[in-house]
Amino acid sequence: VVKGSIGAMSAFMAQSGNLVVLGDAGDALGNSI
């Protein structure tokens, strides 16, 4: 859980689990998820 924002390529090849972002997300979120 990120209460701010996240940068580029976050959750790249993410296999399982949860990512919660209260702010914004950068480029290529979830690439090859």
PDB file of all heavy atoms in Angstrom:
ATOM      1  N   VAL A   1       0.860  -1.180   0.000  1.00  0.00           N
ATOM      2  CA  VAL A   1       0.000   0.000   0.000  1.00  0.00           C
ATOM      3  C   VAL A   1       0.899   1.233   0.000  1.00  0.00           C
ATOM      4  O   VAL A   1       1.696   1.430   0.928  1.00  0.00           O
ATOM      5  CB  VAL A   1      -0.939   0.037   1.214  1.00  0.00           C
ATOM      6  CG1 VAL A   1      -1.803   1.297   1.177  1.00  0.00           C
ATOM      7  CG2 VAL A   1      -1.827  -1.207   1.244  1.00  0.00           C
ATOM      8  N   VAL A   2       0.776   2.053  -1.036  1.00  0.00           N
ATOM      9  CA  VAL A   2       1.552   3.288  -1.158  1.00  0.00           C
ATOM     10  C   VAL A   2       0.573   4.454  -1.055  1.00  0.00           C
ATOM     11  O   VAL A   2      -0.333   4.593  -1.876  1.00  0.00           O
ATOM     12  CB  VAL A   2       2.311   3.348  -2.499  1.00  0.00           C
ATOM     13  CG1 VAL A   2       3.106   4.654  -2.596  1.00  0.00           C
ATOM     14  CG2 VAL A   2       3.237   2.144  -2.645  1.00  0.00           C
ATOM     15  N   LYS A   3       0.762   5.292  -0.044  1.00  0.00           N
ATOM     16  CA  LYS A   3      -0.171   6.388   0.181  1.00  0.00           C
ATOM     17  C   LYS A   3       0.091   7.575  -0.742  1.00  0.00           C
ATOM     18  O   LYS A   3      -0.773   8.451  -0.899  1.00  0.00           O
ATOM     19  CB  LYS A   3      -0.121   6.809   1.646  1.00  0.00           C
ATOM     20  CG  LYS A   3      -0.563   5.694   2.588  1.00  0.00           C
ATOM     21  CD  LYS A   3      -0.477   6.104   4.053  1.00  0.00           C
ATOM     22  CE  LYS A   3      -0.825   4.937   4.970  1.00  0.00           C
ATOM     23  NZ  LYS A   3      -0.727   5.295   6.407  1.00  0.00           N
ATOM     24  N   GLY A   4       1.274   7.611  -1.356  1.00  0.00           N
ATOM     25  CA  GLY A   4       1.587   8.636  -2.336  1.00  0.00           C
ATOM     26  C   GLY A   4       1.491   8.074  -3.738  1.00  0.00           C
ATOM     27  O   GLY A   4       0.573   7.319  -4.068  1.00  0.00           O
ATOM     28  N   SER A   5       2.469   8.411  -4.576  1.00  0.00           N
ATOM     29  CA  SER A   5       2.502   7.963  -5.971  1.00  0.00           C
ATOM     30  C   SER A   5       3.655   6.993  -6.192  1.00  0.00           C
ATOM     31  O   SER A   5       4.553   6.874  -5.359  1.00  0.00           O
ATOM     32  CB  SER A   5       2.641   9.174  -6.907  1.00  0.00           C
ATOM     33  OG  SER A   5       1.529  10.047  -6.779  1.00  0.00           O
ATOM     34  N   ILE A   6       3.629   6.310  -7.334  1.00  0.00           N
ATOM     35  CA  ILE A   6       4.691   5.359  -7.691  1.00  0.00           C
ATOM     36  C   ILE A   6       5.271   5.717  -9.053  1.00  0.00           C
ATOM     37  O   ILE A   6       4.610   6.345  -9.883  1.00  0.00           O
ATOM     38  CB  ILE A   6       4.183   3.900  -7.702  1.00  0.00           C
ATOM     39  CG1 ILE A   6       3.034   3.743  -8.685  1.00  0.00           C
ATOM     40  CG2 ILE A   6       3.760   3.476  -6.299  1.00  0.00           C
ATOM     41  CD1 ILE A   6       2.570   2.296  -8.856  1.00  0.00           C
ATOM     42  N   GLY A   7       6.509   5.278  -9.285  1.00  0.00           N
ATOM     43  CA  GLY A   7       7.202   5.606 -10.515  1.00  0.00           C
ATOM     44  C   GLY A   7       6.953   4.618 -11.642  1.00  0.00           C
ATOM     45  O   GLY A   7       6.079   3.743 -11.568  1.00  0.00           O
ATOM     46  N   ALA A   8       7.759   4.754 -12.673  1.00  0.00           N
ATOM     47  CA  ALA A   8       7.595   3.949 -13.898  1.00  0.00           C
ATOM     48  C   ALA A   8       7.924   2.481 -13.661  1.00  0.00           C
ATOM     49  O   ALA A   8       8.657   2.126 -12.736  1.00  0.00           O
ATOM     50  CB  ALA A   8       8.501   4.509 -14.993  1.00  0.00           C
ATOM     51  N   MET A   9       7.355   1.637 -14.508  1.00  0.00           N
ATOM     52  CA  MET A   9       7.622   0.191 -14.526  1.00  0.00           C
ATOM     53  C   MET A   9       7.281  -0.495 -13.214  1.00  0.00           C
ATOM     54  O   MET A   9       7.848  -1.527 -12.868  1.00  0.00           O
ATOM     55  CB  MET A   9       9.080  -0.085 -14.896  1.00  0.00           C
ATOM     56  CG  MET A   9       9.440   0.251 -16.328  1.00  0.00           C
ATOM     57  SD  MET A   9       8.600  -0.752 -17.561  1.00  0.00           S
ATOM     58  CE  MET A   9       9.391  -2.338 -17.305  1.00  0.00           C
ATOM     59  N   SER A  10       6.352   0.056 -12.477  1.00  0.00           N
ATOM     60  CA  SER A  10       5.930  -0.603 -11.243  1.00  0.00           C
ATOM     61  C   SER A  10       5.083  -1.835 -11.566  1.00  0.00           C
ATOM     62  O   SER A  10       4.373  -1.870 -12.574  1.00  0.00           O
ATOM     63  CB  SER A  10       5.131   0.360 -10.361  1.00  0.00           C
ATOM     64  OG  SER A  10       5.979   1.356  -9.833  1.00  0.00           O
ATOM     65  N   ALA A  11       5.192  -2.852 -10.703  1.00  0.00           N
ATOM     66  CA  ALA A  11       4.494  -4.130 -10.889  1.00  0.00           C
ATOM     67  C   ALA A  11       4.894  -4.820 -12.189  1.00  0.00           C
ATOM     68  O   ALA A  11       4.121  -5.592 -12.755  1.00  0.00           O
ATOM     69  CB  ALA A  11       2.986  -3.952 -10.814  1.00  0.00           C
ATOM     70  N   PHE A  12       6.115  -4.575 -12.668  1.00  0.00           N
ATOM     71  CA  PHE A  12       6.622  -5.285 -13.843  1.00  0.00           C
ATOM     72  C   PHE A  12       6.718  -6.782 -13.525  1.00  0.00           C
ATOM     73  O   PHE A  12       7.275  -7.183 -12.520  1.00  0.00           O
ATOM     74  CB  PHE A  12       7.996  -4.728 -14.213  1.00  0.00           C
ATOM     75  CG  PHE A  12       8.720  -5.513 -15.283  1.00  0.00           C
ATOM     76  CD1 PHE A  12       8.179  -5.646 -16.543  1.00  0.00           C
ATOM     77  CD2 PHE A  12       9.944  -6.107 -15.018  1.00  0.00           C
ATOM     78  CE1 PHE A  12       8.840  -6.356 -17.528  1.00  0.00           C
ATOM     79  CE2 PHE A  12      10.618  -6.817 -15.983  1.00  0.00           C
ATOM     80  CZ  PHE A  12      10.068  -6.944 -17.251  1.00  0.00           C
ATOM     81  N   MET A  13       6.098  -7.597 -14.340  1.00  0.00           N
ATOM     82  CA  MET A  13       6.090  -9.048 -14.159  1.00  0.00           C
ATOM     83  C   MET A  13       5.552  -9.449 -12.788  1.00  0.00           C
ATOM     84  O   MET A  13       5.962 -10.457 -12.208  1.00  0.00           O
ATOM     85  CB  MET A  13       7.475  -9.653 -14.396  1.00  0.00           C
ATOM     86  CG  MET A  13       7.951  -9.533 -15.822  1.00  0.00           C
ATOM     87  SD  MET A  13       9.496 -10.403 -16.152  1.00  0.00           S
ATOM     88  CE  MET A  13       8.961 -12.107 -16.011  1.00  0.00           C
ATOM     89  N   ALA A  14       4.622  -8.668 -12.260  1.00  0.00           N
ATOM     90  CA  ALA A  14       4.015  -8.984 -10.965  1.00  0.00           C
ATOM     91  C   ALA A  14       3.185 -10.257 -11.095  1.00  0.00           C
ATOM     92  O   ALA A  14       2.309 -10.349 -11.956  1.00  0.00           O
ATOM     93  CB  ALA A  14       3.145  -7.826 -10.502  1.00  0.00           C
ATOM     94  N   GLN A  15       3.454 -11.224 -10.227  1.00  0.00           N
ATOM     95  CA  GLN A  15       2.836 -12.537 -10.372  1.00  0.00           C
ATOM     96  C   GLN A  15       1.580 -12.704  -9.532  1.00  0.00           C
ATOM     97  O   GLN A  15       0.586 -13.247  -9.995  1.00  0.00           O
ATOM     98  CB  GLN A  15       3.864 -13.618 -10.041  1.00  0.00           C
ATOM     99  CG  GLN A  15       5.030 -13.599 -11.021  1.00  0.00           C
ATOM    100  CD  GLN A  15       6.145 -14.540 -10.639  1.00  0.00           C
ATOM    101  OE1 GLN A  15       5.907 -15.602 -10.080  1.00  0.00           O
ATOM    102  NE2 GLN A  15       7.376 -14.164 -10.943  1.00  0.00           N
ATOM    103  N   SER A  16       1.609 -12.287  -8.270  1.00  0.00           N
ATOM    104  CA  SER A  16       0.419 -12.361  -7.419  1.00  0.00           C
ATOM    105  C   SER A  16       0.561 -11.366  -6.291  1.00  0.00           C
ATOM    106  O   SER A  16       1.637 -10.807  -6.055  1.00  0.00           O
ATOM    107  CB  SER A  16       0.229 -13.780  -6.869  1.00  0.00           C
ATOM    108  OG  SER A  16       1.326 -14.164  -6.058  1.00  0.00           O
ATOM    109  N   GLY A  17      -0.531 -11.145  -5.570  1.00  0.00           N
ATOM    110  CA  GLY A  17      -0.541 -10.146  -4.520  1.00  0.00           C
ATOM    111  C   GLY A  17      -1.306  -8.913  -4.947  1.00  0.00           C
ATOM    112  O   GLY A  17      -1.967  -8.888  -5.996  1.00  0.00           O
ATOM    113  N   ASN A  18      -1.213  -7.857  -4.136  1.00  0.00           N
ATOM    114  CA  ASN A  18      -1.964  -6.630  -4.386  1.00  0.00           C
ATOM    115  C   ASN A  18      -1.064  -5.405  -4.246  1.00  0.00           C
ATOM    116  O   ASN A  18      -0.276  -5.322  -3.301  1.00  0.00           O
ATOM    117  CB  ASN A  18      -3.109  -6.497  -3.375  1.00  0.00           C
ATOM    118  CG  ASN A  18      -4.108  -7.629  -3.466  1.00  0.00           C
ATOM    119  OD1 ASN A  18      -4.951  -7.660  -4.347  1.00  0.00           O
ATOM    120  ND2 ASN A  18      -4.009  -8.586  -2.538  1.00  0.00           N
ATOM    121  N   LEU A  19      -1.208  -4.479  -5.163  1.00  0.00           N
ATOM    122  CA  LEU A  19      -0.531  -3.183  -5.084  1.00  0.00           C
ATOM    123  C   LEU A  19      -1.598  -2.105  -5.084  1.00  0.00           C
ATOM    124  O   LEU A  19      -2.377  -1.982  -6.041  1.00  0.00           O
ATOM    125  CB  LEU A  19       0.419  -2.991  -6.268  1.00  0.00           C
ATOM    126  CG  LEU A  19       1.063  -1.595  -6.414  1.00  0.00           C
ATOM    127  CD1 LEU A  19       1.879  -1.232  -5.187  1.00  0.00           C
ATOM    128  CD2 LEU A  19       1.927  -1.540  -7.675  1.00  0.00           C
ATOM    129  N   VAL A  20      -1.658  -1.340  -3.989  1.00  0.00           N
ATOM    130  CA  VAL A  20      -2.647  -0.272  -3.828  1.00  0.00           C
ATOM    131  C   VAL A  20      -1.915   1.061  -3.825  1.00  0.00           C
ATOM    132  O   VAL A  20      -0.970   1.252  -3.052  1.00  0.00           O
ATOM    133  CB  VAL A  20      -3.431  -0.445  -2.514  1.00  0.00           C
ATOM    134  CG1 VAL A  20      -4.446   0.684  -2.346  1.00  0.00           C
ATOM    135  CG2 VAL A  20      -4.113  -1.799  -2.474  1.00  0.00           C
ATOM    136  N   VAL A  21      -2.369   1.989  -4.673  1.00  0.00           N
ATOM    137  CA  VAL A  21      -1.710   3.288  -4.806  1.00  0.00           C
ATOM    138  C   VAL A  21      -2.764   4.382  -4.660  1.00  0.00           C
ATOM    139  O   VAL A  21      -3.709   4.447  -5.454  1.00  0.00           O
ATOM    140  CB  VAL A  21      -0.997   3.419  -6.169  1.00  0.00           C
ATOM    141  CG1 VAL A  21      -0.273   4.760  -6.252  1.00  0.00           C
ATOM    142  CG2 VAL A  21      -0.030   2.271  -6.381  1.00  0.00           C
ATOM    143  N   LEU A  22      -2.590   5.234  -3.653  1.00  0.00           N
ATOM    144  CA  LEU A  22      -3.559   6.300  -3.457  1.00  0.00           C
ATOM    145  C   LEU A  22      -3.296   7.482  -4.387  1.00  0.00           C
ATOM    146  O   LEU A  22      -4.201   8.267  -4.665  1.00  0.00           O
ATOM    147  CB  LEU A  22      -3.549   6.778  -2.001  1.00  0.00           C
ATOM    148  CG  LEU A  22      -4.435   5.983  -1.032  1.00  0.00           C
ATOM    149  CD1 LEU A  22      -3.922   4.567  -0.833  1.00  0.00           C
ATOM    150  CD2 LEU A  22      -4.559   6.702   0.302  1.00  0.00           C
ATOM    151  N   GLY A  23      -2.066   7.637  -4.850  1.00  0.00           N
ATOM    152  CA  GLY A  23      -1.709   8.717  -5.757  1.00  0.00           C
ATOM    153  C   GLY A  23      -1.728   8.267  -7.201  1.00  0.00           C
ATOM    154  O   GLY A  23      -2.610   7.515  -7.631  1.00  0.00           O
ATOM    155  N   ASP A  24      -0.721   8.697  -7.951  1.00  0.00           N
ATOM    156  CA  ASP A  24      -0.637   8.397  -9.375  1.00  0.00           C
ATOM    157  C   ASP A  24       0.389   7.303  -9.653  1.00  0.00           C
ATOM    158  O   ASP A  24       1.219   6.979  -8.792  1.00  0.00           O
ATOM    159  CB  ASP A  24      -0.237   9.654 -10.154  1.00  0.00           C
ATOM    160  CG  ASP A  24      -1.207  10.807  -9.936  1.00  0.00           C
ATOM    161  OD1 ASP A  24      -2.421  10.529  -9.806  1.00  0.00           O
ATOM    162  OD2 ASP A  24      -0.756  11.968  -9.900  1.00  0.00           O
ATOM    163  N   ALA A  25       0.342   6.751 -10.861  1.00  0.00           N
ATOM    164  CA  ALA A  25       1.303   5.734 -11.299  1.00  0.00           C
ATOM    165  C   ALA A  25       1.998   6.220 -12.564  1.00  0.00           C
ATOM    166  O   ALA A  25       1.373   6.840 -13.431  1.00  0.00           O
ATOM    167  CB  ALA A  25       0.606   4.405 -11.550  1.00  0.00           C
ATOM    168  N   GLY A  26       3.296   5.906 -12.670  1.00  0.00           N
ATOM    169  CA  GLY A  26       4.078   6.329 -13.827  1.00  0.00           C
ATOM    170  C   GLY A  26       3.879   5.450 -15.049  1.00  0.00           C
ATOM    171  O   GLY A  26       2.928   4.659 -15.133  1.00  0.00           O
ATOM    172  N   ASP A  27       4.801   5.571 -15.988  1.00  0.00           N
ATOM    173  CA  ASP A  27       4.715   4.831 -17.258  1.00  0.00           C
ATOM    174  C   ASP A  27       4.764   3.327 -17.057  1.00  0.00           C
ATOM    175  O   ASP A  27       5.385   2.811 -16.129  1.00  0.00           O
ATOM    176  CB  ASP A  27       5.883   5.235 -18.170  1.00  0.00           C
ATOM    177  CG  ASP A  27       5.598   6.506 -18.951  1.00  0.00           C
ATOM    178  OD1 ASP A  27       4.464   6.658 -19.443  1.00  0.00           O
ATOM    179  OD2 ASP A  27       6.506   7.344 -19.068  1.00  0.00           O
ATOM    180  N   ALA A  28       4.127   2.617 -17.970  1.00  0.00           N
ATOM    181  CA  ALA A  28       4.237   1.155 -18.116  1.00  0.00           C
ATOM    182  C   ALA A  28       3.841   0.395 -16.851  1.00  0.00           C
ATOM    183  O   ALA A  28       4.495  -0.573 -16.472  1.00  0.00           O
ATOM    184  CB  ALA A  28       5.646   0.772 -18.561  1.00  0.00           C
ATOM    185  N   LEU A  29       2.783   0.818 -16.215  1.00  0.00           N
ATOM    186  CA  LEU A  29       2.291   0.101 -15.042  1.00  0.00           C
ATOM    187  C   LEU A  29       1.908  -1.325 -15.423  1.00  0.00           C
ATOM    188  O   LEU A  29       1.208  -1.550 -16.407  1.00  0.00           O
ATOM    189  CB  LEU A  29       1.069   0.820 -14.458  1.00  0.00           C
ATOM    190  CG  LEU A  29       0.387   0.119 -13.272  1.00  0.00           C
ATOM    191  CD1 LEU A  29       1.281   0.163 -12.041  1.00  0.00           C
ATOM    192  CD2 LEU A  29      -0.969   0.757 -12.979  1.00  0.00           C
ATOM    193  N   GLY A  30       2.371  -2.285 -14.626  1.00  0.00           N
ATOM    194  CA  GLY A  30       1.967  -3.674 -14.828  1.00  0.00           C
ATOM    195  C   GLY A  30       2.476  -4.308 -16.104  1.00  0.00           C
ATOM    196  O   GLY A  30       1.855  -5.245 -16.622  1.00  0.00           O
ATOM    197  N   ASN A  31       3.610  -3.854 -16.588  1.00  0.00           N
ATOM    198  CA  ASN A  31       4.140  -4.425 -17.829  1.00  0.00           C
ATOM    199  C   ASN A  31       4.381  -5.930 -17.670  1.00  0.00           C
ATOM    200  O   ASN A  31       5.013  -6.371 -16.716  1.00  0.00           O
ATOM    201  CB  ASN A  31       5.455  -3.737 -18.199  1.00  0.00           C
ATOM    202  CG  ASN A  31       5.914  -4.079 -19.607  1.00  0.00           C
ATOM    203  OD1 ASN A  31       5.235  -3.755 -20.572  1.00  0.00           O
ATOM    204  ND2 ASN A  31       7.049  -4.734 -19.715  1.00  0.00           N
ATOM    205  N   SER A  32       3.836  -6.721 -18.578  1.00  0.00           N
ATOM    206  CA  SER A  32       3.990  -8.184 -18.560  1.00  0.00           C
ATOM    207  C   SER A  32       3.482  -8.801 -17.262  1.00  0.00           C
ATOM    208  O   SER A  32       4.048  -9.763 -16.743  1.00  0.00           O
ATOM    209  CB  SER A  32       5.452  -8.587 -18.804  1.00  0.00           C
ATOM    210  OG  SER A  32       5.923  -8.057 -20.021  1.00  0.00           O
ATOM    211  N   ILE A  33       2.402  -8.264 -16.728  1.00  0.00           N
ATOM    212  CA  ILE A  33       1.839  -8.715 -15.463  1.00  0.00           C
ATOM    213  C   ILE A  33       1.236 -10.115 -15.597  1.00  0.00           C
ATOM    214  O   ILE A  33       0.780 -10.508 -16.684  1.00  0.00           O
ATOM    215  CB  ILE A  33       0.781  -7.699 -14.979  1.00  0.00           C
ATOM    216  CG1 ILE A  33       0.370  -7.976 -13.533  1.00  0.00           C
ATOM    217  CG2 ILE A  33      -0.423  -7.678 -15.909  1.00  0.00           C
ATOM    218  CD1 ILE A  33      -0.556  -6.904 -12.952  1.00  0.00           C
TER     219      ILE A  33
END
